[in-house]
Amino acid sequence: MGNLLLGAATLSASDLQTILPVVVIHGILIIVAMVDLIRNWNVRKAKILWIIVMVMIQIVGPIVYFIFGRGKKDEKVISR
């Protein structure tokens, strides 16, 4: 009892406790990165490529997007 049969592998409760935080963090990273990409759709370049990178390169994809894909935000200059 307490084991989850997943394909040919069996995951115990302690395995799930180890894997679950990583899966949750991955889900949060993908959601936040996708929301940022969609909000700035007109500004971003290679949008479809970034979607593929975020989805296909698991945990690292969204992090790479935040480092390289977002670019620098335009600084707003307030004139007096």
PDB file of N, CA and C in Angstrom:
ATOM      1  N   MET A   1       0.843  -1.176   0.000  1.00  0.00           N
ATOM      2  CA  MET A   1       0.000   0.000   0.000  1.00  0.00           C
ATOM      3  C   MET A   1       0.888   1.239   0.000  1.00  0.00           C
ATOM      4  N   GLY A   2       0.449   2.314  -0.608  1.00  0.00           N
ATOM      5  CA  GLY A   2       1.235   3.531  -0.618  1.00  0.00           C
ATOM      6  C   GLY A   2       2.148   3.641  -1.823  1.00  0.00           C
ATOM      7  N   ASN A   3       2.115   2.640  -2.707  1.00  0.00           N
ATOM      8  CA  ASN A   3       2.931   2.680  -3.917  1.00  0.00           C
ATOM      9  C   ASN A   3       2.062   3.042  -5.107  1.00  0.00           C
ATOM     10  N   LEU A   4       2.619   3.790  -6.020  1.00  0.00           N
ATOM     11  CA  LEU A   4       1.916   4.178  -7.235  1.00  0.00           C
ATOM     12  C   LEU A   4       2.599   3.486  -8.402  1.00  0.00           C
ATOM     13  N   LEU A   5       1.808   2.720  -9.164  1.00  0.00           N
ATOM     14  CA  LEU A   5       2.352   2.026 -10.318  1.00  0.00           C
ATOM     15  C   LEU A   5       2.314   2.969 -11.510  1.00  0.00           C
ATOM     16  N   LEU A   6       3.472   3.291 -12.053  1.00  0.00           N
ATOM     17  CA  LEU A   6       3.582   4.221 -13.167  1.00  0.00           C
ATOM     18  C   LEU A   6       4.398   3.535 -14.248  1.00  0.00           C
ATOM     19  N   GLY A   7       3.706   2.952 -15.226  1.00  0.00           N
ATOM     20  CA  GLY A   7       4.409   2.205 -16.266  1.00  0.00           C
ATOM     21  C   GLY A   7       5.055   0.990 -15.641  1.00  0.00           C
ATOM     22  N   ALA A   8       6.348   0.819 -15.852  1.00  0.00           N
ATOM     23  CA  ALA A   8       7.072  -0.315 -15.300  1.00  0.00           C
ATOM     24  C   ALA A   8       7.682   0.026 -13.947  1.00  0.00           C
ATOM     25  N   ALA A   9       7.660   1.304 -13.572  1.00  0.00           N
ATOM     26  CA  ALA A   9       8.284   1.717 -12.313  1.00  0.00           C
ATOM     27  C   ALA A   9       7.217   1.879 -11.232  1.00  0.00           C
ATOM     28  N   THR A  10       7.607   1.645 -10.018  1.00  0.00           N
ATOM     29  CA  THR A  10       6.726   1.837  -8.882  1.00  0.00           C
ATOM     30  C   THR A  10       7.298   2.957  -8.036  1.00  0.00           C
ATOM     31  N   LEU A  11       6.451   3.955  -7.747  1.00  0.00           N
ATOM     32  CA  LEU A  11       6.884   5.085  -6.934  1.00  0.00           C
ATOM     33  C   LEU A  11       6.314   4.938  -5.536  1.00  0.00           C
ATOM     34  N   SER A  12       7.173   5.050  -4.545  1.00  0.00           N
ATOM     35  CA  SER A  12       6.712   4.988  -3.159  1.00  0.00           C
ATOM     36  C   SER A  12       6.297   6.385  -2.723  1.00  0.00           C
ATOM     37  N   ALA A  13       5.742   6.474  -1.533  1.00  0.00           N
ATOM     38  CA  ALA A  13       5.297   7.760  -0.995  1.00  0.00           C
ATOM     39  C   ALA A  13       6.481   8.703  -0.824  1.00  0.00           C
ATOM     40  N   SER A  14       7.634   8.191  -0.422  1.00  0.00           N
ATOM     41  CA  SER A  14       8.807   9.059  -0.250  1.00  0.00           C
ATOM     42  C   SER A  14       9.314   9.564  -1.604  1.00  0.00           C
ATOM     43  N   ASP A  15       9.187   8.736  -2.650  1.00  0.00           N
ATOM     44  CA  ASP A  15       9.557   9.190  -3.996  1.00  0.00           C
ATOM     45  C   ASP A  15       8.656  10.333  -4.442  1.00  0.00           C
ATOM     46  N   LEU A  16       7.361  10.183  -4.171  1.00  0.00           N
ATOM     47  CA  LEU A  16       6.407  11.224  -4.548  1.00  0.00           C
ATOM     48  C   LEU A  16       6.671  12.514  -3.786  1.00  0.00           C
ATOM     49  N   GLN A  17       7.054  12.411  -2.513  1.00  0.00           N
ATOM     50  CA  GLN A  17       7.370  13.593  -1.721  1.00  0.00           C
ATOM     51  C   GLN A  17       8.599  14.312  -2.272  1.00  0.00           C
ATOM     52  N   THR A  18       9.486  13.586  -2.901  1.00  0.00           N
ATOM     53  CA  THR A  18      10.673  14.172  -3.490  1.00  0.00           C
ATOM     54  C   THR A  18      10.365  14.804  -4.839  1.00  0.00           C
ATOM     55  N   ILE A  19       9.546  14.158  -5.637  1.00  0.00           N
ATOM     56  CA  ILE A  19       9.260  14.603  -6.999  1.00  0.00           C
ATOM     57  C   ILE A  19       8.221  15.723  -7.038  1.00  0.00           C
ATOM     58  N   LEU A  20       7.236  15.681  -6.162  1.00  0.00           N
ATOM     59  CA  LEU A  20       6.130  16.629  -6.205  1.00  0.00           C
ATOM     60  C   LEU A  20       6.554  18.098  -6.155  1.00  0.00           C
ATOM     61  N   PRO A  21       7.467  18.520  -5.273  1.00  0.00           N
ATOM     62  CA  PRO A  21       7.872  19.935  -5.281  1.00  0.00           C
ATOM     63  C   PRO A  21       8.496  20.375  -6.603  1.00  0.00           C
ATOM     64  N   VAL A  22       9.260  19.492  -7.232  1.00  0.00           N
ATOM     65  CA  VAL A  22       9.878  19.821  -8.519  1.00  0.00           C
ATOM     66  C   VAL A  22       8.809  19.999  -9.587  1.00  0.00           C
ATOM     67  N   VAL A  23       7.805  19.138  -9.584  1.00  0.00           N
ATOM     68  CA  VAL A  23       6.720  19.231 -10.558  1.00  0.00           C
ATOM     69  C   VAL A  23       5.922  20.517 -10.341  1.00  0.00           C
ATOM     70  N   VAL A  24       5.656  20.863  -9.096  1.00  0.00           N
ATOM     71  CA  VAL A  24       4.911  22.089  -8.794  1.00  0.00           C
ATOM     72  C   VAL A  24       5.704  23.322  -9.224  1.00  0.00           C
ATOM     73  N   ILE A  25       6.990  23.376  -8.912  1.00  0.00           N
ATOM     74  CA  ILE A  25       7.841  24.506  -9.306  1.00  0.00           C
ATOM     75  C   ILE A  25       7.891  24.613 -10.828  1.00  0.00           C
ATOM     76  N   HIS A  26       8.014  23.499 -11.510  1.00  0.00           N
ATOM     77  CA  HIS A  26       8.033  23.493 -12.970  1.00  0.00           C
ATOM     78  C   HIS A  26       6.729  24.057 -13.528  1.00  0.00           C
ATOM     79  N   GLY A  27       5.613  23.637 -12.979  1.00  0.00           N
ATOM     80  CA  GLY A  27       4.314  24.137 -13.429  1.00  0.00           C
ATOM     81  C   GLY A  27       4.174  25.637 -13.224  1.00  0.00           C
ATOM     82  N   ILE A  28       4.591  26.116 -12.073  1.00  0.00           N
ATOM     83  CA  ILE A  28       4.528  27.551 -11.788  1.00  0.00           C
ATOM     84  C   ILE A  28       5.420  28.336 -12.741  1.00  0.00           C
ATOM     85  N   LEU A  29       6.639  27.851 -12.974  1.00  0.00           N
ATOM     86  CA  LEU A  29       7.558  28.532 -13.898  1.00  0.00           C
ATOM     87  C   LEU A  29       6.975  28.622 -15.302  1.00  0.00           C
ATOM     88  N   ILE A  30       6.396  27.532 -15.793  1.00  0.00           N
ATOM     89  CA  ILE A  30       5.829  27.542 -17.150  1.00  0.00           C
ATOM     90  C   ILE A  30       4.655  28.505 -17.225  1.00  0.00           C
ATOM     91  N   ILE A  31       3.783  28.486 -16.229  1.00  0.00           N
ATOM     92  CA  ILE A  31       2.615  29.368 -16.251  1.00  0.00           C
ATOM     93  C   ILE A  31       3.041  30.830 -16.226  1.00  0.00           C
ATOM     94  N   VAL A  32       3.957  31.188 -15.347  1.00  0.00           N
ATOM     95  CA  VAL A  32       4.401  32.581 -15.244  1.00  0.00           C
ATOM     96  C   VAL A  32       5.105  33.023 -16.525  1.00  0.00           C
ATOM     97  N   ALA A  33       5.935  32.159 -17.094  1.00  0.00           N
ATOM     98  CA  ALA A  33       6.633  32.506 -18.339  1.00  0.00           C
ATOM     99  C   ALA A  33       5.647  32.672 -19.490  1.00  0.00           C
ATOM    100  N   MET A  34       4.657  31.786 -19.595  1.00  0.00           N
ATOM    101  CA  MET A  34       3.662  31.897 -20.668  1.00  0.00           C
ATOM    102  C   MET A  34       2.824  33.166 -20.513  1.00  0.00           C
ATOM    103  N   VAL A  35       2.433  33.492 -19.291  1.00  0.00           N
ATOM    104  CA  VAL A  35       1.659  34.715 -19.053  1.00  0.00           C
ATOM    105  C   VAL A  35       2.479  35.937 -19.456  1.00  0.00           C
ATOM    106  N   ASP A  36       3.756  35.955 -19.096  1.00  0.00           N
ATOM    107  CA  ASP A  36       4.614  37.075 -19.480  1.00  0.00           C
ATOM    108  C   ASP A  36       4.745  37.175 -20.996  1.00  0.00           C
ATOM    109  N   LEU A  37       4.926  36.055 -21.651  1.00  0.00           N
ATOM    110  CA  LEU A  37       5.054  36.050 -23.116  1.00  0.00           C
ATOM    111  C   LEU A  37       3.771  36.545 -23.773  1.00  0.00           C
ATOM    112  N   ILE A  38       2.632  36.107 -23.290  1.00  0.00           N
ATOM    113  CA  ILE A  38       1.353  36.513 -23.879  1.00  0.00           C
ATOM    114  C   ILE A  38       1.081  37.994 -23.620  1.00  0.00           C
ATOM    115  N   ARG A  39       1.384  38.468 -22.421  1.00  0.00           N
ATOM    116  CA  ARG A  39       1.165  39.889 -22.116  1.00  0.00           C
ATOM    117  C   ARG A  39       2.024  40.805 -22.972  1.00  0.00           C
ATOM    118  N   ASN A  40       3.193  40.335 -23.346  1.00  0.00           N
ATOM    119  CA  ASN A  40       4.119  41.144 -24.135  1.00  0.00           C
ATOM    120  C   ASN A  40       4.267  40.586 -25.548  1.00  0.00           C
ATOM    121  N   TRP A  41       3.200  40.025 -26.090  1.00  0.00           N
ATOM    122  CA  TRP A  41       3.226  39.334 -27.378  1.00  0.00           C
ATOM    123  C   TRP A  41       3.749  40.227 -28.495  1.00  0.00           C
ATOM    124  N   ASN A  42       3.359  41.486 -28.535  1.00  0.00           N
ATOM    125  CA  ASN A  42       3.761  42.381 -29.614  1.00  0.00           C
ATOM    126  C   ASN A  42       5.213  42.830 -29.505  1.00  0.00           C
ATOM    127  N   VAL A  43       5.788  42.731 -28.333  1.00  0.00           N
ATOM    128  CA  VAL A  43       7.152  43.194 -28.099  1.00  0.00           C
ATOM    129  C   VAL A  43       8.178  42.080 -28.305  1.00  0.00           C
ATOM    130  N   ARG A  44       7.802  40.856 -27.958  1.00  0.00           N
ATOM    131  CA  ARG A  44       8.743  39.735 -28.013  1.00  0.00           C
ATOM    132  C   ARG A  44       9.047  39.310 -29.440  1.00  0.00           C
ATOM    133  N   LYS A  45      10.260  38.826 -29.626  1.00  0.00           N
ATOM    134  CA  LYS A  45      10.671  38.265 -30.909  1.00  0.00           C
ATOM    135  C   LYS A  45      10.718  36.745 -30.757  1.00  0.00           C
ATOM    136  N   ALA A  46      10.528  36.031 -31.844  1.00  0.00           N
ATOM    137  CA  ALA A  46      10.592  34.559 -31.874  1.00  0.00           C
ATOM    138  C   ALA A  46       9.646  33.946 -30.841  1.00  0.00           C
ATOM    139  N   LYS A  47       8.410  34.387 -30.855  1.00  0.00           N
ATOM    140  CA  LYS A  47       7.434  33.947 -29.856  1.00  0.00           C
ATOM    141  C   LYS A  47       7.198  32.439 -29.878  1.00  0.00           C
ATOM    142  N   ILE A  48       6.994  31.900 -31.058  1.00  0.00           N
ATOM    143  CA  ILE A  48       6.730  30.466 -31.173  1.00  0.00           C
ATOM    144  C   ILE A  48       7.944  29.659 -30.711  1.00  0.00           C
ATOM    145  N   LEU A  49       9.120  30.134 -31.038  1.00  0.00           N
ATOM    146  CA  LEU A  49      10.347  29.468 -30.591  1.00  0.00           C
ATOM    147  C   LEU A  49      10.418  29.439 -29.065  1.00  0.00           C
ATOM    148  N   TRP A  50      10.062  30.548 -28.410  1.00  0.00           N
ATOM    149  CA  TRP A  50      10.097  30.580 -26.950  1.00  0.00           C
ATOM    150  C   TRP A  50       9.067  29.631 -26.345  1.00  0.00           C
ATOM    151  N   ILE A  51       7.912  29.507 -26.965  1.00  0.00           N
ATOM    152  CA  ILE A  51       6.916  28.552 -26.466  1.00  0.00           C
ATOM    153  C   ILE A  51       7.476  27.134 -26.546  1.00  0.00           C
ATOM    154  N   ILE A  52       8.112  26.808 -27.665  1.00  0.00           N
ATOM    155  CA  ILE A  52       8.700  25.475 -27.830  1.00  0.00           C
ATOM    156  C   ILE A  52       9.797  25.242 -26.796  1.00  0.00           C
ATOM    157  N   VAL A  53      10.656  26.241 -26.584  1.00  0.00           N
ATOM    158  CA  VAL A  53      11.744  26.111 -25.601  1.00  0.00           C
ATOM    159  C   VAL A  53      11.168  25.889 -24.209  1.00  0.00           C
ATOM    160  N   MET A  54      10.151  26.667 -23.839  1.00  0.00           N
ATOM    161  CA  MET A  54       9.572  26.542 -22.495  1.00  0.00           C
ATOM    162  C   MET A  54       8.937  25.176 -22.264  1.00  0.00           C
ATOM    163  N   VAL A  55       8.289  24.638 -23.281  1.00  0.00           N
ATOM    164  CA  VAL A  55       7.579  23.368 -23.105  1.00  0.00           C
ATOM    165  C   VAL A  55       8.519  22.163 -23.245  1.00  0.00           C
ATOM    166  N   MET A  56       9.436  22.222 -24.199  1.00  0.00           N
ATOM    167  CA  MET A  56      10.258  21.050 -24.502  1.00  0.00           C
ATOM    168  C   MET A  56      11.484  20.898 -23.595  1.00  0.00           C
ATOM    169  N   ILE A  57      12.018  21.980 -23.089  1.00  0.00           N
ATOM    170  CA  ILE A  57      13.223  21.895 -22.250  1.00  0.00           C
ATOM    171  C   ILE A  57      12.820  22.064 -20.791  1.00  0.00           C
ATOM    172  N   GLN A  58      12.065  21.185 -20.305  1.00  0.00           N
ATOM    173  CA  GLN A  58      11.491  21.087 -18.970  1.00  0.00           C
ATOM    174  C   GLN A  58      11.809  22.256 -18.034  1.00  0.00           C
ATOM    175  N   ILE A  59      12.475  22.056 -16.940  1.00  0.00           N
ATOM    176  CA  ILE A  59      12.684  23.089 -15.921  1.00  0.00           C
ATOM    177  C   ILE A  59      13.542  24.233 -16.454  1.00  0.00           C
ATOM    178  N   VAL A  60      14.506  23.940 -17.281  1.00  0.00           N
ATOM    179  CA  VAL A  60      15.458  24.947 -17.750  1.00  0.00           C
ATOM    180  C   VAL A  60      14.821  25.913 -18.759  1.00  0.00           C
ATOM    181  N   GLY A  61      13.845  25.469 -19.534  1.00  0.00           N
ATOM    182  CA  GLY A  61      13.232  26.299 -20.574  1.00  0.00           C
ATOM    183  C   GLY A  61      12.673  27.620 -20.078  1.00  0.00           C
ATOM    184  N   PRO A  62      11.786  27.609 -19.069  1.00  0.00           N
ATOM    185  CA  PRO A  62      11.274  28.876 -18.562  1.00  0.00           C
ATOM    186  C   PRO A  62      12.359  29.767 -17.960  1.00  0.00           C
ATOM    187  N   ILE A  63      13.349  29.164 -17.313  1.00  0.00           N
ATOM    188  CA  ILE A  63      14.446  29.949 -16.734  1.00  0.00           C
ATOM    189  C   ILE A  63      15.255  30.619 -17.839  1.00  0.00           C
ATOM    190  N   VAL A  64      15.522  29.897 -18.916  1.00  0.00           N
ATOM    191  CA  VAL A  64      16.234  30.479 -20.066  1.00  0.00           C
ATOM    192  C   VAL A  64      15.420  31.624 -20.654  1.00  0.00           C
ATOM    193  N   TYR A  65      14.100  31.466 -20.728  1.00  0.00           N
ATOM    194  CA  TYR A  65      13.239  32.548 -21.238  1.00  0.00           C
ATOM    195  C   TYR A  65      13.375  33.799 -20.365  1.00  0.00           C
ATOM    196  N   PHE A  66      13.330  33.622 -19.038  1.00  0.00           N
ATOM    197  CA  PHE A  66      13.414  34.781 -18.153  1.00  0.00           C
ATOM    198  C   PHE A  66      14.784  35.467 -18.239  1.00  0.00           C
ATOM    199  N   ILE A  67      15.832  34.705 -18.496  1.00  0.00           N
ATOM    200  CA  ILE A  67      17.173  35.297 -18.584  1.00  0.00           C
ATOM    201  C   ILE A  67      17.404  35.956 -19.934  1.00  0.00           C
ATOM    202  N   PHE A  68      17.069  35.261 -21.032  1.00  0.00           N
ATOM    203  CA  PHE A  68      17.411  35.759 -22.367  1.00  0.00           C
ATOM    204  C   PHE A  68      16.222  36.269 -23.174  1.00  0.00           C
ATOM    205  N   GLY A  69      15.052  35.712 -22.983  1.00  0.00           N
ATOM    206  CA  GLY A  69      13.909  36.025 -23.832  1.00  0.00           C
ATOM    207  C   GLY A  69      13.211  37.321 -23.520  1.00  0.00           C
ATOM    208  N   ARG A  70      13.241  37.735 -22.280  1.00  0.00           N
ATOM    209  CA  ARG A  70      12.528  38.933 -21.897  1.00  0.00           C
ATOM    210  C   ARG A  70      13.248  40.192 -22.342  1.00  0.00           C
ATOM    211  N   GLY A  71      14.553  40.165 -22.379  1.00  0.00           N
ATOM    212  CA  GLY A  71      15.295  41.367 -22.744  1.00  0.00           C
ATOM    213  C   GLY A  71      15.166  42.410 -21.652  1.00  0.00           C
ATOM    214  N   LYS A  72      15.657  43.582 -21.951  1.00  0.00           N
ATOM    215  CA  LYS A  72      15.571  44.665 -20.982  1.00  0.00           C
ATOM    216  C   LYS A  72      14.272  45.423 -21.199  1.00  0.00           C
ATOM    217  N   LYS A  73      13.650  45.789 -20.102  1.00  0.00           N
ATOM    218  CA  LYS A  73      12.417  46.573 -20.202  1.00  0.00           C
ATOM    219  C   LYS A  73      12.776  48.008 -20.548  1.00  0.00           C
ATOM    220  N   ASP A  74      11.899  48.608 -21.332  1.00  0.00           N
ATOM    221  CA  ASP A  74      12.109  50.008 -21.678  1.00  0.00           C
ATOM    222  C   ASP A  74      11.934  50.870 -20.434  1.00  0.00           C
ATOM    223  N   GLU A  75      12.914  51.703 -20.197  1.00  0.00           N
ATOM    224  CA  GLU A  75      12.801  52.602 -19.064  1.00  0.00           C
ATOM    225  C   GLU A  75      11.975  53.793 -19.478  1.00  0.00           C
ATOM    226  N   LYS A  76      11.005  54.124 -18.671  1.00  0.00           N
ATOM    227  CA  LYS A  76      10.148  55.260 -18.979  1.00  0.00           C
ATOM    228  C   LYS A  76      10.797  56.530 -18.456  1.00  0.00           C
ATOM    229  N   VAL A  77      10.937  57.481 -19.314  1.00  0.00           N
ATOM    230  CA  VAL A  77      11.546  58.749 -18.944  1.00  0.00           C
ATOM    231  C   VAL A  77      10.432  59.745 -18.698  1.00  0.00           C
ATOM    232  N   ILE A  78      10.482  60.338 -17.533  1.00  0.00           N
ATOM    233  CA  ILE A  78       9.475  61.345 -17.188  1.00  0.00           C
ATOM    234  C   ILE A  78      10.082  62.710 -17.444  1.00  0.00           C
ATOM    235  N   SER A  79       9.477  63.454 -18.372  1.00  0.00           N
ATOM    236  CA  SER A  79      10.004  64.792 -18.671  1.00  0.00           C
ATOM    237  C   SER A  79       9.261  65.823 -17.842  1.00  0.00           C
ATOM    238  N   ARG A  80      10.001  66.816 -17.438  1.00  0.00           N
ATOM    239  CA  ARG A  80       9.400  67.870 -16.610  1.00  0.00           C
ATOM    240  C   ARG A  80       9.255  69.119 -17.394  1.00  0.00           C
TER     241      ARG A  80
END
